[in-house]
Protein backbone atom coordinates (compact mmCIF):
# COMPACT_ATOMS: atom_id res chain seq x y z
CA MET A 1 -6.77 -7.40 -15.09
CA HIS A 2 -7.75 -4.60 -16.55
CA GLU A 3 -5.53 -1.43 -16.76
CA SER A 4 -6.96 1.92 -17.21
CA ASN A 5 -4.74 4.16 -19.06
CA VAL A 6 -1.50 6.26 -17.15
CA ALA A 7 -3.19 9.24 -15.86
CA PRO A 8 -2.45 12.51 -17.80
CA ASN A 9 -0.76 14.15 -15.54
CA THR A 10 2.50 11.33 -14.89
CA ASP A 11 5.57 13.63 -16.69
CA ALA A 12 4.20 16.15 -12.97
CA VAL A 13 3.49 13.06 -10.94
CA LYS A 14 7.54 11.76 -11.68
CA LYS A 15 8.87 15.02 -11.80
CA GLU A 16 7.70 14.67 -7.56
CA MET A 17 9.76 11.69 -7.45
CA LYS A 18 13.11 13.07 -8.80
CA LYS A 19 12.54 16.17 -6.15
CA CYS A 20 12.17 13.35 -3.79
CA PHE A 21 14.81 11.02 -4.74
CA ALA A 22 17.24 14.77 -4.62
CA ALA A 23 16.15 14.96 -1.36
CA ILE A 24 17.23 12.27 0.16
CA GLY A 25 20.79 13.17 -1.30
CA ALA A 26 21.95 9.37 -2.72
CA LEU A 27 21.97 10.45 -6.41
CA SER A 28 23.52 12.78 -8.56
CA LYS A 29 21.66 14.40 -10.77
CA GLU A 30 22.37 12.20 -13.89
CA GLU A 31 22.32 9.12 -11.59
CA ILE A 32 18.57 10.01 -10.65
CA GLU A 33 17.34 10.13 -14.44
CA ASP A 34 18.66 6.38 -15.33
CA ALA A 35 17.08 5.83 -12.10
CA MET A 36 13.69 6.58 -12.96
CA GLN A 37 14.35 4.62 -16.37
CA LEU A 38 12.75 1.79 -14.32
CA ILE A 39 10.86 3.08 -12.58
CA SER A 40 7.05 2.76 -14.24
CA ILE A 41 4.38 4.88 -13.24
CA GLU A 42 0.72 3.11 -13.86
CA SER A 43 -2.97 3.54 -13.12
CA PHE A 44 -5.65 1.54 -12.44
CA ASP A 45 -9.27 1.64 -12.07
CA SER A 46 -11.40 1.16 -8.72
CA GLY A 47 -11.74 -2.79 -8.22
CA THR A 48 -8.68 -3.82 -9.96
CA LEU A 49 -6.90 -6.79 -8.84
CA ILE A 50 -2.84 -5.82 -9.20
CA LEU A 51 -2.32 -8.90 -6.79
CA ARG A 52 -4.04 -12.64 -6.95
CA LYS A 53 -3.98 -14.80 -4.09
CA GLY A 54 -2.04 -18.13 -5.40
CA LYS A 55 -0.40 -15.59 -7.83
CA VAL A 56 4.03 -15.17 -7.40
CA SER A 57 4.23 -11.03 -6.95
CA ALA A 58 6.53 -9.27 -9.60
CA LYS A 59 6.65 -6.47 -8.38
CA SER A 60 6.74 -3.63 -5.79
CA TYR A 61 4.46 -0.51 -5.54
CA SER A 62 4.61 2.85 -4.13
CA VAL A 63 0.71 4.80 -3.51
CA VAL A 64 0.92 8.16 -5.71
CA SER A 65 -2.58 8.55 -5.18
CA GLY A 66 -5.71 6.39 -4.39
CA CYS A 67 -6.13 3.61 -2.25
CA VAL A 68 -5.03 -0.23 -2.07
CA ARG A 69 -6.93 -2.58 0.21
CA GLN A 70 -4.97 -5.97 1.25
CA TYR A 71 -7.50 -8.94 2.04
CA TYR A 72 -7.81 -13.10 3.12
CA LEU A 73 -10.04 -15.22 1.52
CA VAL A 74 -11.78 -17.11 4.60
CA ASP A 75 -14.63 -19.98 4.45
CA GLY A 76 -14.96 -17.50 1.51
CA GLU A 77 -15.26 -14.42 3.41
CA GLU A 78 -13.06 -11.25 2.32
CA LYS A 79 -11.03 -9.87 5.47
CA SER A 80 -9.30 -6.59 5.25
CA THR A 81 -6.79 -5.90 6.89
CA PHE A 82 -4.25 -3.31 5.80
CA PHE A 83 -5.53 0.10 3.01
CA TYR A 84 -2.31 1.56 1.98
CA THR A 85 -2.59 5.25 0.43
CA GLU A 86 -0.67 8.36 -0.61
CA GLY A 87 2.52 7.69 0.25
CA ASP A 88 2.82 4.26 1.60
CA SER A 89 4.83 1.02 -0.04
CA ILE A 90 4.02 -2.42 -0.84
CA PHE A 91 6.44 -4.68 0.37
CA SER A 92 5.85 -8.36 -0.51
CA MET A 93 7.38 -10.14 1.79
CA ASN A 94 6.45 -13.41 0.85
CA THR A 95 6.94 -13.71 -3.37
CA GLY A 96 8.67 -12.02 -5.42
CA SER A 97 12.49 -13.26 -4.91
CA GLU A 98 11.34 -16.29 -2.83
CA LYS A 99 9.26 -16.97 -6.06
CA THR A 100 6.06 -18.13 -3.18
CA PRO A 101 2.80 -17.93 -4.25
CA SER A 102 0.85 -15.30 -2.55
CA LYS A 103 -1.95 -16.11 0.66
CA TYR A 104 -3.95 -12.66 -0.29
CA PHE A 105 -5.41 -10.39 -2.55
CA LEU A 106 -4.13 -6.37 -3.33
CA SER A 107 -7.13 -4.72 -4.47
CA CYS A 108 -7.48 -0.76 -5.42
CA VAL A 109 -10.33 0.49 -3.34
CA GLU A 110 -10.84 3.29 -5.34
CA PRO A 111 -8.76 4.50 -9.12
CA THR A 112 -5.04 4.43 -7.99
CA MET A 113 -1.85 5.76 -9.17
CA LEU A 114 1.23 3.61 -8.29
CA SER A 115 5.07 3.37 -9.09
CA VAL A 116 5.97 0.58 -10.34
CA ILE A 117 9.25 -1.59 -10.08
CA THR A 118 10.05 -4.68 -11.03
CA PHE A 119 11.85 -7.05 -9.21
CA GLU A 120 14.45 -7.47 -11.94
CA ASN A 121 14.74 -2.79 -12.67
CA GLN A 122 14.61 -3.57 -8.90
CA LYS A 123 17.85 -5.96 -8.38
CA ILE A 124 18.96 -3.44 -11.36
CA LEU A 125 18.54 -0.58 -9.78
CA TYR A 126 19.87 -1.51 -6.27
CA GLU A 127 23.16 -2.77 -7.90
CA ARG A 128 23.95 -0.19 -9.47
CA PHE A 129 23.42 2.14 -6.65
CA PRO A 130 23.95 0.67 -3.85
CA LYS A 131 22.66 4.12 -0.92
CA LEU A 132 19.15 3.13 -2.45
CA GLU A 133 19.53 -0.50 -1.50
CA THR A 134 20.91 -0.01 2.28
CA LEU A 135 17.74 2.94 2.67
CA SER A 136 15.38 0.10 1.16
CA ARG A 137 16.00 -2.07 3.83
CA THR A 138 16.43 0.79 6.78
CA SER A 139 12.37 1.72 5.61
CA LEU A 140 11.13 -1.79 4.86
CA GLN A 141 12.34 -2.31 8.74
CA GLU A 142 10.65 0.85 9.83
CA GLU A 143 7.59 -0.32 8.36
CA LEU A 144 7.77 -4.35 10.06
CA ALA A 145 7.48 -2.43 13.48
CA HIS A 146 4.74 -0.24 12.11
CA TYR A 147 2.80 -3.51 11.36
CA GLN A 148 4.08 -5.53 14.72
CA GLU A 149 2.53 -2.32 17.13
CA LEU A 150 -0.12 -2.02 15.20
CA LEU A 151 -1.24 -6.02 15.51
CA ALA A 152 -0.39 -5.66 19.69
CA THR A 153 -2.39 -2.61 19.81
CA TYR A 154 -4.80 -4.17 17.74
CA ILE A 155 -4.78 -7.86 20.13
CA VAL A 156 -5.36 -5.27 23.12
CA THR A 157 -8.23 -3.43 21.90
CA THR A 158 -11.63 -2.92 21.52
CA PRO A 159 -13.81 -2.53 18.06
CA GLU A 160 -14.93 1.02 19.13
CA GLU A 161 -10.51 2.04 20.32
CA ARG A 162 -9.87 0.78 17.20
CA TYR A 163 -12.49 3.12 15.70
CA LEU A 164 -11.11 5.91 17.64
CA ASN A 165 -7.56 4.93 16.79
CA LEU A 166 -8.76 5.23 13.04
CA LEU A 167 -10.73 8.26 13.81
CA ARG A 168 -6.79 9.26 14.83
CA PHE A 169 -4.89 8.54 12.95
CA ARG A 170 -6.06 7.12 9.40
CA PRO A 171 -8.80 9.92 8.70
CA GLU A 172 -8.17 9.62 5.58
CA LEU A 173 -9.61 6.03 5.28
CA LEU A 174 -13.57 7.31 6.38
CA ASN A 175 -13.34 8.64 2.83
CA LYS A 176 -12.49 6.35 0.67
CA VAL A 177 -12.66 3.06 1.91
CA PRO A 178 -16.92 1.02 1.94
CA GLN A 179 -18.12 0.75 5.33
CA TYR A 180 -18.18 -2.48 4.75
CA GLN A 181 -14.49 -3.08 4.33
CA LEU A 182 -13.53 -1.18 7.36
CA ALA A 183 -15.65 -3.11 9.00
CA SER A 184 -13.73 -6.17 7.95
CA TYR A 185 -10.76 -4.12 9.11
CA LEU A 186 -11.31 -3.33 12.62
CA GLY A 187 -12.75 -6.85 13.18
CA VAL A 188 -16.27 -6.24 13.40
CA ALA A 189 -19.81 -6.52 11.33
CA ALA A 190 -21.18 -3.75 9.36
CA GLU A 191 -23.82 -3.42 11.47
CA SER A 192 -21.75 -3.52 14.40
CA LEU A 193 -19.80 -0.62 12.92
CA SER A 194 -22.60 1.39 12.21
CA ARG A 195 -23.92 1.05 15.87
CA ILE A 196 -19.92 2.59 17.20
CA ARG A 197 -19.89 4.89 14.65
CA LYS A 198 -23.43 5.93 15.95
CA ARG A 199 -23.20 6.38 19.78
CA ILE A 200 -19.28 8.08 19.09
CA SER A 201 -21.12 11.12 17.12
CA HIS A 202 -23.70 11.57 20.34
CA LYS A 203 -20.86 11.46 22.59
């Protein structure tokens, strides 16, 4: 795994993260400084795999900038299932504390900056600041509900409807993600996506 040098605006990012902690109102200024010692800001090149299938994850991530793709390898073909962009947390339900190997890959679509915390440090963080664990659990429940809604929508919509939903709710992906990855995410061949885009543009 190749990791690039930490980006020069790391201090600014940490300053913004401290503001977010302060906005939550769960920690004092001193506690925020203590909590930040357990979190790192790391920068990754485009194409970097931050998690491989078969490996046990030891970290949780939040996207500061850039884009991370989740995908499965099915009969040698990559099947994109989600894209994480700025502000998204990357939770791993089947790895980490359960020591279960991942069934999917996580790859940086473009140069990406992540806030990173190891599960060991996360445990320390929650032991020191129980309010953060409560907030994290609430956030995780909201994320799971969101993913369930996405799955239900995917099942009952046509590829064209999925693309229109993408335009409406996640237009930033159009400028970040290669068309063949978007096509995989929408469940169509790249050629079919090209036809859908052309048809919509002519309407």
